[in-house]
Amino acid sequence: MSPPAMLSALDEPEPAAPPRVPPEAGLEARLAAVLPADADPRVRAVGELWLAIRPEPARLPGRRHFDPLRIEPRVLPYLWLLDVEREPRLRFRYRLLGTAHVLAMGGDFTGEYLDLAHPAFLESASHADYVSVAAGYPSYRRGKPTFHMDKSYLAMERLALPLAEDGERVNMLLAITVYARAEPAPGAEPVLERDPIKLNRIKL
């Protein structure tokens, strides 16, 4: 999805929950149920890689199957990983944050639990999304950023995918979030920063 299209999505009503495919559905069907045709190419590339690295067609890939060298360098700053902890209750902890997210959130939260790093997390739509991913279902969302301290980040597009070392029980989330960022100068029209690392900008 292009940055202007990403921003236009902010004016749309909150989308309904995507159709939940039956548990016996394959991983291709689970991804296709949530990933739209106009998804950002970087987002789509991560989804396609997730399918490609499965050890078997019906088994989830694990962290050991994911090789960052198979990702374009321009995509790496937008990747992040969450650990999934299930005891004594389901919790999520930042395992890795790409530099784009450190910039967007104003700090590096690696190693922190999301419910402590972001006080509103448990009541957010993101929490519900991640619970679904922990059950083995990919999650896609685009709209306003939820936890970003830098308010110049106007829109985001996110795909979160389940990883399981044993192929079944999810113990990690692999995700990519890309941003639309506006930085208007005094008296100037807004500009959009497609890539906060390389500062490639286009006008709305």
C-alpha atoms as a PDB file:
ATOM      1  CA  MET A   1       0.000   0.000   0.000  1.00  0.00           C
ATOM      2  CA  SER A   2       1.380   3.423  -0.956  1.00  0.00           C
ATOM      3  CA  PRO A   3       1.773   6.060   1.778  1.00  0.00           C
ATOM      4  CA  PRO A   4      -1.141   8.212   0.490  1.00  0.00           C
ATOM      5  CA  ALA A   5      -3.351   5.120   0.437  1.00  0.00           C
ATOM      6  CA  MET A   6      -2.175   4.248   3.934  1.00  0.00           C
ATOM      7  CA  LEU A   7      -3.195   7.696   5.121  1.00  0.00           C
ATOM      8  CA  SER A   8      -6.557   7.507   3.372  1.00  0.00           C
ATOM      9  CA  ALA A   9      -7.293   4.401   5.419  1.00  0.00           C
ATOM     10  CA  LEU A  10      -7.363   6.626   8.513  1.00  0.00           C
ATOM     11  CA  ASP A  11     -10.673   8.087   7.316  1.00  0.00           C
ATOM     12  CA  GLU A  12     -12.282   4.681   6.978  1.00  0.00           C
ATOM     13  CA  PRO A  13     -14.198   3.040   9.842  1.00  0.00           C
ATOM     14  CA  GLU A  14     -12.381   0.425  11.905  1.00  0.00           C
ATOM     15  CA  PRO A  15     -12.428  -2.733   9.811  1.00  0.00           C
ATOM     16  CA  ALA A  16     -14.397  -5.722  10.974  1.00  0.00           C
ATOM     17  CA  ALA A  17     -12.451  -8.703  12.234  1.00  0.00           C
ATOM     18  CA  PRO A  18     -11.200 -10.794   9.310  1.00  0.00           C
ATOM     19  CA  PRO A  19     -12.952 -14.110   8.721  1.00  0.00           C
ATOM     20  CA  ARG A  20     -11.463 -16.777  10.958  1.00  0.00           C
ATOM     21  CA  VAL A  21     -10.512 -19.729   8.809  1.00  0.00           C
ATOM     22  CA  PRO A  22     -11.134 -23.169  10.325  1.00  0.00           C
ATOM     23  CA  PRO A  23      -8.284 -24.774  12.286  1.00  0.00           C
ATOM     24  CA  GLU A  24      -7.756 -27.383   9.588  1.00  0.00           C
ATOM     25  CA  ALA A  25      -7.115 -24.710   6.963  1.00  0.00           C
ATOM     26  CA  GLY A  26      -3.585 -24.528   5.610  1.00  0.00           C
ATOM     27  CA  LEU A  27      -1.167 -21.715   6.373  1.00  0.00           C
ATOM     28  CA  GLU A  28      -1.656 -20.261   2.888  1.00  0.00           C
ATOM     29  CA  ALA A  29      -5.378 -19.881   3.600  1.00  0.00           C
ATOM     30  CA  ARG A  30      -4.713 -18.313   6.990  1.00  0.00           C
ATOM     31  CA  LEU A  31      -2.424 -15.688   5.466  1.00  0.00           C
ATOM     32  CA  ALA A  32      -4.694 -15.043   2.482  1.00  0.00           C
ATOM     33  CA  ALA A  33      -7.639 -14.445   4.831  1.00  0.00           C
ATOM     34  CA  VAL A  34      -5.988 -11.349   6.322  1.00  0.00           C
ATOM     35  CA  LEU A  35      -3.436  -9.969   3.831  1.00  0.00           C
ATOM     36  CA  PRO A  36      -5.072  -7.611   1.284  1.00  0.00           C
ATOM     37  CA  ALA A  37      -4.054  -7.405  -2.343  1.00  0.00           C
ATOM     38  CA  ASP A  38      -2.838  -3.816  -1.897  1.00  0.00           C
ATOM     39  CA  ALA A  39      -0.524  -4.583   1.031  1.00  0.00           C
ATOM     40  CA  ASP A  40       2.828  -2.800   1.029  1.00  0.00           C
ATOM     41  CA  PRO A  41       5.385  -4.844  -0.975  1.00  0.00           C
ATOM     42  CA  ARG A  42       7.678  -5.038   2.060  1.00  0.00           C
ATOM     43  CA  VAL A  43       4.854  -6.449   4.146  1.00  0.00           C
ATOM     44  CA  ARG A  44       3.885  -8.940   1.469  1.00  0.00           C
ATOM     45  CA  ALA A  45       7.514 -10.056   1.079  1.00  0.00           C
ATOM     46  CA  VAL A  46       7.694 -11.026   4.757  1.00  0.00           C
ATOM     47  CA  GLY A  47       4.443 -12.964   4.482  1.00  0.00           C
ATOM     48  CA  GLU A  48       5.722 -14.842   1.449  1.00  0.00           C
ATOM     49  CA  LEU A  49       8.998 -15.647   3.192  1.00  0.00           C
ATOM     50  CA  TRP A  50       7.077 -16.976   6.215  1.00  0.00           C
ATOM     51  CA  LEU A  51       5.316 -19.451   3.939  1.00  0.00           C
ATOM     52  CA  ALA A  52       8.536 -20.343   2.117  1.00  0.00           C
ATOM     53  CA  ILE A  53      10.473 -21.294   5.266  1.00  0.00           C
ATOM     54  CA  ARG A  54       7.928 -23.762   6.654  1.00  0.00           C
ATOM     55  CA  PRO A  55       9.618 -27.079   7.467  1.00  0.00           C
ATOM     56  CA  GLU A  56       6.487 -28.833   6.177  1.00  0.00           C
ATOM     57  CA  PRO A  57       3.375 -27.436   4.441  1.00  0.00           C
ATOM     58  CA  ALA A  58       1.158 -27.852   7.507  1.00  0.00           C
ATOM     59  CA  ARG A  59       3.724 -26.896  10.177  1.00  0.00           C
ATOM     60  CA  LEU A  60       4.629 -23.435  11.382  1.00  0.00           C
ATOM     61  CA  PRO A  61       8.202 -22.250  10.890  1.00  0.00           C
ATOM     62  CA  GLY A  62      10.331 -21.547  13.937  1.00  0.00           C
ATOM     63  CA  ARG A  63      12.882 -18.861  14.673  1.00  0.00           C
ATOM     64  CA  ARG A  64      15.655 -21.181  13.511  1.00  0.00           C
ATOM     65  CA  HIS A  65      14.111 -21.294  10.044  1.00  0.00           C
ATOM     66  CA  PHE A  66      14.133 -17.519   9.659  1.00  0.00           C
ATOM     67  CA  ASP A  67      17.344 -16.216   8.095  1.00  0.00           C
ATOM     68  CA  PRO A  68      17.524 -12.390   7.999  1.00  0.00           C
ATOM     69  CA  LEU A  69      19.878 -12.678   5.017  1.00  0.00           C
ATOM     70  CA  ARG A  70      16.858 -13.706   2.950  1.00  0.00           C
ATOM     71  CA  ILE A  71      15.267 -10.300   3.597  1.00  0.00           C
ATOM     72  CA  GLU A  72      16.155  -7.205   1.587  1.00  0.00           C
ATOM     73  CA  PRO A  73      18.319  -4.860   3.700  1.00  0.00           C
ATOM     74  CA  ARG A  74      15.780  -2.035   3.259  1.00  0.00           C
ATOM     75  CA  VAL A  75      13.154  -4.175   5.010  1.00  0.00           C
ATOM     76  CA  LEU A  76      15.200  -5.174   8.079  1.00  0.00           C
ATOM     77  CA  PRO A  77      14.688  -1.925  10.075  1.00  0.00           C
ATOM     78  CA  TYR A  78      10.922  -2.581  10.089  1.00  0.00           C
ATOM     79  CA  LEU A  79      11.067  -6.111  11.509  1.00  0.00           C
ATOM     80  CA  TRP A  80      10.411  -6.990  15.137  1.00  0.00           C
ATOM     81  CA  LEU A  81      10.062 -10.124  17.233  1.00  0.00           C
ATOM     82  CA  LEU A  82       8.008 -10.911  20.327  1.00  0.00           C
ATOM     83  CA  ASP A  83       8.527 -13.788  22.738  1.00  0.00           C
ATOM     84  CA  VAL A  84       5.314 -15.522  23.772  1.00  0.00           C
ATOM     85  CA  GLU A  85       5.159 -16.581  27.438  1.00  0.00           C
ATOM     86  CA  ARG A  86       2.240 -18.717  28.587  1.00  0.00           C
ATOM     87  CA  GLU A  87       2.906 -19.233  32.299  1.00  0.00           C
ATOM     88  CA  PRO A  88       1.473 -18.103  34.638  1.00  0.00           C
ATOM     89  CA  ARG A  89      -0.529 -16.166  31.989  1.00  0.00           C
ATOM     90  CA  LEU A  90      -0.184 -15.215  28.357  1.00  0.00           C
ATOM     91  CA  ARG A  91       2.283 -12.340  27.963  1.00  0.00           C
ATOM     92  CA  PHE A  92       4.345 -10.855  25.175  1.00  0.00           C
ATOM     93  CA  ARG A  93       7.888  -9.514  25.459  1.00  0.00           C
ATOM     94  CA  TYR A  94       9.963  -7.597  22.945  1.00  0.00           C
ATOM     95  CA  ARG A  95      12.792  -9.815  21.740  1.00  0.00           C
ATOM     96  CA  LEU A  96      14.011  -7.562  18.931  1.00  0.00           C
ATOM     97  CA  LEU A  97      13.031  -4.127  17.611  1.00  0.00           C
ATOM     98  CA  GLY A  98      14.212  -2.831  14.264  1.00  0.00           C
ATOM     99  CA  THR A  99      15.676   0.659  14.213  1.00  0.00           C
ATOM    100  CA  ALA A 100      12.575   2.103  12.526  1.00  0.00           C
ATOM    101  CA  HIS A 101      10.526   1.177  15.617  1.00  0.00           C
ATOM    102  CA  VAL A 102      13.097   2.497  18.059  1.00  0.00           C
ATOM    103  CA  LEU A 103      12.805   5.849  16.270  1.00  0.00           C
ATOM    104  CA  ALA A 104       9.004   5.736  16.135  1.00  0.00           C
ATOM    105  CA  MET A 105       8.566   4.808  19.805  1.00  0.00           C
ATOM    106  CA  GLY A 106      11.270   7.063  21.145  1.00  0.00           C
ATOM    107  CA  GLY A 107      13.280   4.298  22.776  1.00  0.00           C
ATOM    108  CA  ASP A 108      14.430   0.690  22.637  1.00  0.00           C
ATOM    109  CA  PHE A 109      12.045  -1.575  24.565  1.00  0.00           C
ATOM    110  CA  THR A 110      13.930  -4.798  23.825  1.00  0.00           C
ATOM    111  CA  GLY A 111      13.499  -7.227  26.718  1.00  0.00           C
ATOM    112  CA  GLU A 112      10.424  -5.480  28.156  1.00  0.00           C
ATOM    113  CA  TYR A 113       6.920  -6.896  28.488  1.00  0.00           C
ATOM    114  CA  LEU A 114       4.440  -5.064  26.301  1.00  0.00           C
ATOM    115  CA  ASP A 115       1.924  -4.667  29.141  1.00  0.00           C
ATOM    116  CA  LEU A 116       4.596  -2.804  31.134  1.00  0.00           C
ATOM    117  CA  ALA A 117       6.117  -0.831  28.259  1.00  0.00           C
ATOM    118  CA  HIS A 118       2.660   0.300  27.066  1.00  0.00           C
ATOM    119  CA  PRO A 119       0.146   0.742  29.933  1.00  0.00           C
ATOM    120  CA  ALA A 120      -2.885   0.595  27.597  1.00  0.00           C
ATOM    121  CA  PHE A 121      -1.725  -2.556  25.808  1.00  0.00           C
ATOM    122  CA  LEU A 122      -4.081  -5.062  27.451  1.00  0.00           C
ATOM    123  CA  GLU A 123      -7.134  -3.025  26.429  1.00  0.00           C
ATOM    124  CA  SER A 124      -5.893  -2.355  22.902  1.00  0.00           C
ATOM    125  CA  ALA A 125      -6.813  -3.974  19.598  1.00  0.00           C
ATOM    126  CA  SER A 126      -3.156  -4.914  19.260  1.00  0.00           C
ATOM    127  CA  HIS A 127      -3.397  -7.210  22.283  1.00  0.00           C
ATOM    128  CA  ALA A 128      -6.334  -9.046  20.723  1.00  0.00           C
ATOM    129  CA  ASP A 129      -4.378  -9.319  17.473  1.00  0.00           C
ATOM    130  CA  TYR A 130      -1.359 -10.831  19.193  1.00  0.00           C
ATOM    131  CA  VAL A 131      -3.497 -13.315  21.123  1.00  0.00           C
ATOM    132  CA  SER A 132      -4.844 -14.497  17.767  1.00  0.00           C
ATOM    133  CA  VAL A 133      -1.312 -14.825  16.380  1.00  0.00           C
ATOM    134  CA  ALA A 134      -0.291 -16.803  19.467  1.00  0.00           C
ATOM    135  CA  ALA A 135      -3.078 -19.221  18.517  1.00  0.00           C
ATOM    136  CA  GLY A 136      -1.490 -19.691  15.082  1.00  0.00           C
ATOM    137  CA  TYR A 137      -3.342 -17.129  12.939  1.00  0.00           C
ATOM    138  CA  PRO A 138      -1.579 -14.297  11.073  1.00  0.00           C
ATOM    139  CA  SER A 139      -2.829 -10.793  11.830  1.00  0.00           C
ATOM    140  CA  TYR A 140      -2.849  -7.744   9.556  1.00  0.00           C
ATOM    141  CA  ARG A 141      -3.761  -4.195  10.552  1.00  0.00           C
ATOM    142  CA  ARG A 142      -3.407  -0.726   9.078  1.00  0.00           C
ATOM    143  CA  GLY A 143      -4.456   2.604  10.519  1.00  0.00           C
ATOM    144  CA  LYS A 144      -3.279   4.914  13.255  1.00  0.00           C
ATOM    145  CA  PRO A 145      -0.204   3.872  15.244  1.00  0.00           C
ATOM    146  CA  THR A 146      -1.068   2.818  18.782  1.00  0.00           C
ATOM    147  CA  PHE A 147       2.075   3.008  20.909  1.00  0.00           C
ATOM    148  CA  HIS A 148       4.234   5.561  19.110  1.00  0.00           C
ATOM    149  CA  MET A 149       5.481   8.554  21.046  1.00  0.00           C
ATOM    150  CA  ASP A 150       6.462  10.517  17.930  1.00  0.00           C
ATOM    151  CA  LYS A 151       3.130  11.888  16.708  1.00  0.00           C
ATOM    152  CA  SER A 152       4.512  12.686  13.255  1.00  0.00           C
ATOM    153  CA  TYR A 153       3.928   8.996  12.500  1.00  0.00           C
ATOM    154  CA  LEU A 154       0.418   9.234  11.085  1.00  0.00           C
ATOM    155  CA  ALA A 155      -0.293   5.732   9.812  1.00  0.00           C
ATOM    156  CA  MET A 156       1.078   2.249   9.934  1.00  0.00           C
ATOM    157  CA  GLU A 157       0.670  -1.125   8.229  1.00  0.00           C
ATOM    158  CA  ARG A 158       1.490  -4.257  10.219  1.00  0.00           C
ATOM    159  CA  LEU A 159       1.659  -7.988   9.615  1.00  0.00           C
ATOM    160  CA  ALA A 160       2.288 -10.315  12.560  1.00  0.00           C
ATOM    161  CA  LEU A 161       3.041 -14.002  11.985  1.00  0.00           C
ATOM    162  CA  PRO A 162       3.307 -17.015  14.317  1.00  0.00           C
ATOM    163  CA  LEU A 163       6.557 -18.911  14.823  1.00  0.00           C
ATOM    164  CA  ALA A 164       6.753 -22.263  16.616  1.00  0.00           C
ATOM    165  CA  GLU A 165       9.921 -24.201  17.355  1.00  0.00           C
ATOM    166  CA  ASP A 166       7.963 -27.467  17.379  1.00  0.00           C
ATOM    167  CA  GLY A 167       5.848 -26.491  14.377  1.00  0.00           C
ATOM    168  CA  GLU A 168       2.648 -26.244  16.411  1.00  0.00           C
ATOM    169  CA  ARG A 169       2.821 -24.354  19.726  1.00  0.00           C
ATOM    170  CA  VAL A 170       3.559 -20.695  19.026  1.00  0.00           C
ATOM    171  CA  ASN A 171       6.446 -19.340  21.086  1.00  0.00           C
ATOM    172  CA  MET A 172       7.330 -16.220  19.084  1.00  0.00           C
ATOM    173  CA  LEU A 173       5.794 -13.607  16.804  1.00  0.00           C
ATOM    174  CA  LEU A 174       7.575 -12.337  13.703  1.00  0.00           C
ATOM    175  CA  ALA A 175       6.220  -8.990  12.522  1.00  0.00           C
ATOM    176  CA  ILE A 176       6.800  -6.086  10.181  1.00  0.00           C
ATOM    177  CA  THR A 177       5.380  -2.602  10.578  1.00  0.00           C
ATOM    178  CA  VAL A 178       5.875   0.136   7.977  1.00  0.00           C
ATOM    179  CA  TYR A 179       4.923   3.767   8.465  1.00  0.00           C
ATOM    180  CA  ALA A 180       3.622   6.903   6.795  1.00  0.00           C
ATOM    181  CA  ARG A 181       5.209   9.903   8.455  1.00  0.00           C
ATOM    182  CA  ALA A 182       4.382  13.569   7.878  1.00  0.00           C
ATOM    183  CA  GLU A 183       6.902  16.313   8.600  1.00  0.00           C
ATOM    184  CA  PRO A 184       5.452  19.625   7.366  1.00  0.00           C
ATOM    185  CA  ALA A 185       7.706  22.647   7.451  1.00  0.00           C
ATOM    186  CA  PRO A 186       6.155  25.995   8.464  1.00  0.00           C
ATOM    187  CA  GLY A 187       3.961  27.159   5.607  1.00  0.00           C
ATOM    188  CA  ALA A 188       4.772  24.128   3.473  1.00  0.00           C
ATOM    189  CA  GLU A 189       2.613  21.271   2.335  1.00  0.00           C
ATOM    190  CA  PRO A 190       2.975  17.997   4.280  1.00  0.00           C
ATOM    191  CA  VAL A 191       5.638  15.614   3.113  1.00  0.00           C
ATOM    192  CA  LEU A 192       5.527  11.924   3.701  1.00  0.00           C
ATOM    193  CA  GLU A 193       8.475   9.868   4.827  1.00  0.00           C
ATOM    194  CA  ARG A 194       8.124   6.400   3.353  1.00  0.00           C
ATOM    195  CA  ASP A 195      11.373   5.163   4.816  1.00  0.00           C
ATOM    196  CA  PRO A 196      12.498   6.804   8.073  1.00  0.00           C
ATOM    197  CA  ILE A 197      15.923   5.233   7.707  1.00  0.00           C
ATOM    198  CA  LYS A 198      16.774   6.438   4.196  1.00  0.00           C
ATOM    199  CA  LEU A 199      14.545   9.528   4.284  1.00  0.00           C
ATOM    200  CA  ASN A 200      12.883   8.881   0.935  1.00  0.00           C
ATOM    201  CA  ARG A 201      10.037  11.426   0.853  1.00  0.00           C
ATOM    202  CA  ILE A 202       7.105  12.054  -1.435  1.00  0.00           C
ATOM    203  CA  LYS A 203       4.489  14.788  -1.384  1.00  0.00           C
ATOM    204  CA  LEU A 204       0.884  13.940  -0.662  1.00  0.00           C
END
